[in-house]
Protein backbone atom coordinates (compact mmCIF):
# COMPACT_ATOMS: atom_id res chain seq x y z
CA UNK A 1 -3.41 77.64 -114.83
CA UNK A 2 -3.72 80.34 -117.39
CA UNK A 3 -3.54 84.11 -117.33
CA UNK A 4 -7.32 84.69 -117.18
CA UNK A 5 -7.19 85.30 -113.43
CA UNK A 6 -9.88 87.96 -113.38
CA UNK A 7 -12.24 85.70 -115.26
CA UNK A 8 -12.75 82.97 -112.63
CA UNK A 9 -16.40 82.02 -113.00
CA UNK A 10 -18.49 81.27 -109.91
CA UNK A 11 -19.36 77.79 -108.65
CA UNK A 12 -22.49 76.50 -110.36
CA UNK A 13 -21.70 78.09 -113.72
CA UNK A 14 -22.68 75.82 -116.62
CA UNK A 15 -20.28 75.84 -119.57
CA UNK A 16 -19.51 74.06 -122.80
CA UNK A 17 -15.89 73.32 -123.67
CA UNK A 18 -14.43 73.69 -127.15
CA UNK A 19 -14.87 70.53 -129.26
CA UNK A 20 -17.39 69.12 -126.78
CA UNK A 21 -21.10 68.39 -126.82
CA UNK A 22 -21.61 67.79 -123.08
CA UNK A 23 -22.10 70.71 -120.72
CA UNK A 24 -20.22 70.92 -117.41
CA UNK A 25 -21.03 72.67 -114.14
CA UNK A 26 -18.10 74.29 -112.32
CA UNK A 27 -17.58 72.71 -108.89
CA UNK A 28 -14.11 73.91 -107.86
CA UNK A 29 -11.00 75.94 -108.57
CA UNK A 30 -7.24 75.43 -108.95
CA UNK A 31 -7.24 71.64 -109.03
CA UNK A 32 -4.02 69.62 -109.28
CA UNK A 33 -3.92 66.82 -111.82
CA UNK A 34 -3.24 63.57 -109.95
CA UNK A 35 -1.24 62.20 -112.91
CA UNK A 36 0.65 65.33 -113.95
CA UNK A 37 1.58 66.58 -110.49
CA UNK A 38 2.82 69.94 -111.76
CA UNK A 39 -0.35 70.75 -113.75
CA UNK A 40 -2.99 72.92 -112.07
CA UNK A 41 -6.29 73.48 -113.84
CA UNK A 42 -8.44 76.57 -113.38
CA UNK A 43 -11.60 74.54 -112.74
CA UNK A 44 -13.05 71.19 -111.82
CA UNK A 45 -16.52 70.31 -112.97
CA UNK A 46 -19.16 67.64 -113.28
CA UNK A 47 -21.55 66.66 -116.04
CA UNK A 48 -24.67 68.80 -116.31
CA UNK A 49 -27.47 68.05 -115.49
CA UNK A 50 -26.37 64.71 -114.00
CA UNK A 51 -24.05 66.15 -111.34
CA UNK A 52 -21.30 64.20 -109.58
CA UNK A 53 -21.99 60.55 -110.36
CA UNK A 54 -18.49 59.28 -109.58
CA UNK A 55 -15.89 61.33 -107.68
CA UNK A 56 -13.15 59.81 -109.83
CA UNK A 57 -14.72 61.21 -112.99
CA UNK A 58 -14.41 64.94 -112.44
CA UNK A 59 -13.55 67.11 -115.43
CA UNK A 60 -10.47 69.35 -115.12
CA UNK A 61 -10.22 72.29 -117.48
CA UNK A 62 -8.84 75.79 -117.99
CA UNK A 63 -10.74 78.99 -118.69
CA UNK A 64 -9.29 79.11 -122.21
CA UNK A 65 -11.07 75.83 -123.06
CA UNK A 66 -14.55 77.30 -122.47
CA UNK A 67 -16.44 78.06 -125.66
CA UNK A 68 -19.81 79.07 -124.21
CA UNK A 69 -21.32 80.01 -120.84
CA UNK A 70 -24.92 78.77 -120.52
CA UNK A 71 -25.58 79.89 -116.95
CA UNK A 72 -23.58 82.09 -114.59
CA UNK A 73 -23.46 80.76 -111.03
CA UNK A 74 -24.63 82.69 -107.98
CA UNK A 75 -22.64 85.80 -107.13
CA UNK A 76 -22.79 87.89 -103.97
CA UNK A 77 -20.39 89.80 -101.75
CA UNK A 78 -19.00 86.61 -100.19
CA UNK A 79 -18.30 85.17 -103.64
CA UNK A 80 -16.61 88.40 -104.75
CA UNK A 81 -14.33 88.36 -101.67
CA UNK A 82 -13.53 84.68 -102.33
CA UNK A 83 -12.67 85.46 -105.96
CA UNK A 84 -10.36 88.30 -104.91
CA UNK A 85 -8.60 86.03 -102.37
CA UNK A 86 -8.34 83.24 -104.95
CA UNK A 87 -6.70 85.57 -107.47
CA UNK A 88 -4.22 86.79 -104.83
CA UNK A 89 -3.28 83.22 -103.86
CA UNK A 90 -2.82 82.21 -107.50
CA UNK A 91 -0.62 85.26 -108.12
CA UNK A 92 1.51 84.33 -105.08
CA UNK A 93 1.95 80.79 -106.42
CA UNK A 94 2.92 82.10 -109.86
CA UNK A 95 5.44 84.55 -108.33
CA UNK A 96 7.02 81.77 -106.21
CA UNK A 97 7.32 79.53 -109.28
CA UNK A 98 8.93 82.30 -111.32
CA UNK A 99 11.46 83.07 -108.57
CA UNK A 100 12.75 79.48 -108.36
């Protein structure tokens, strides 16, 4: 996870990563890498426009890897509350890790 906490993009946002030609759609947040157990990525995503073709082929990436936003996902009051809660939980995790 990086320090771009306030920049969590909403579900459904379509992005292009640096050094990539294939767009991704954000499908989730704060995803643990199954191989590197201590690595948490800001986002999970699927290929756009294909969607989730295989659940074992999800993209994991950080906000800092995004080079372009093509479409911003739906935002409303519920999404804003979720984002605020997500940021608070991430900050709690970071604080616990720093106090170890």
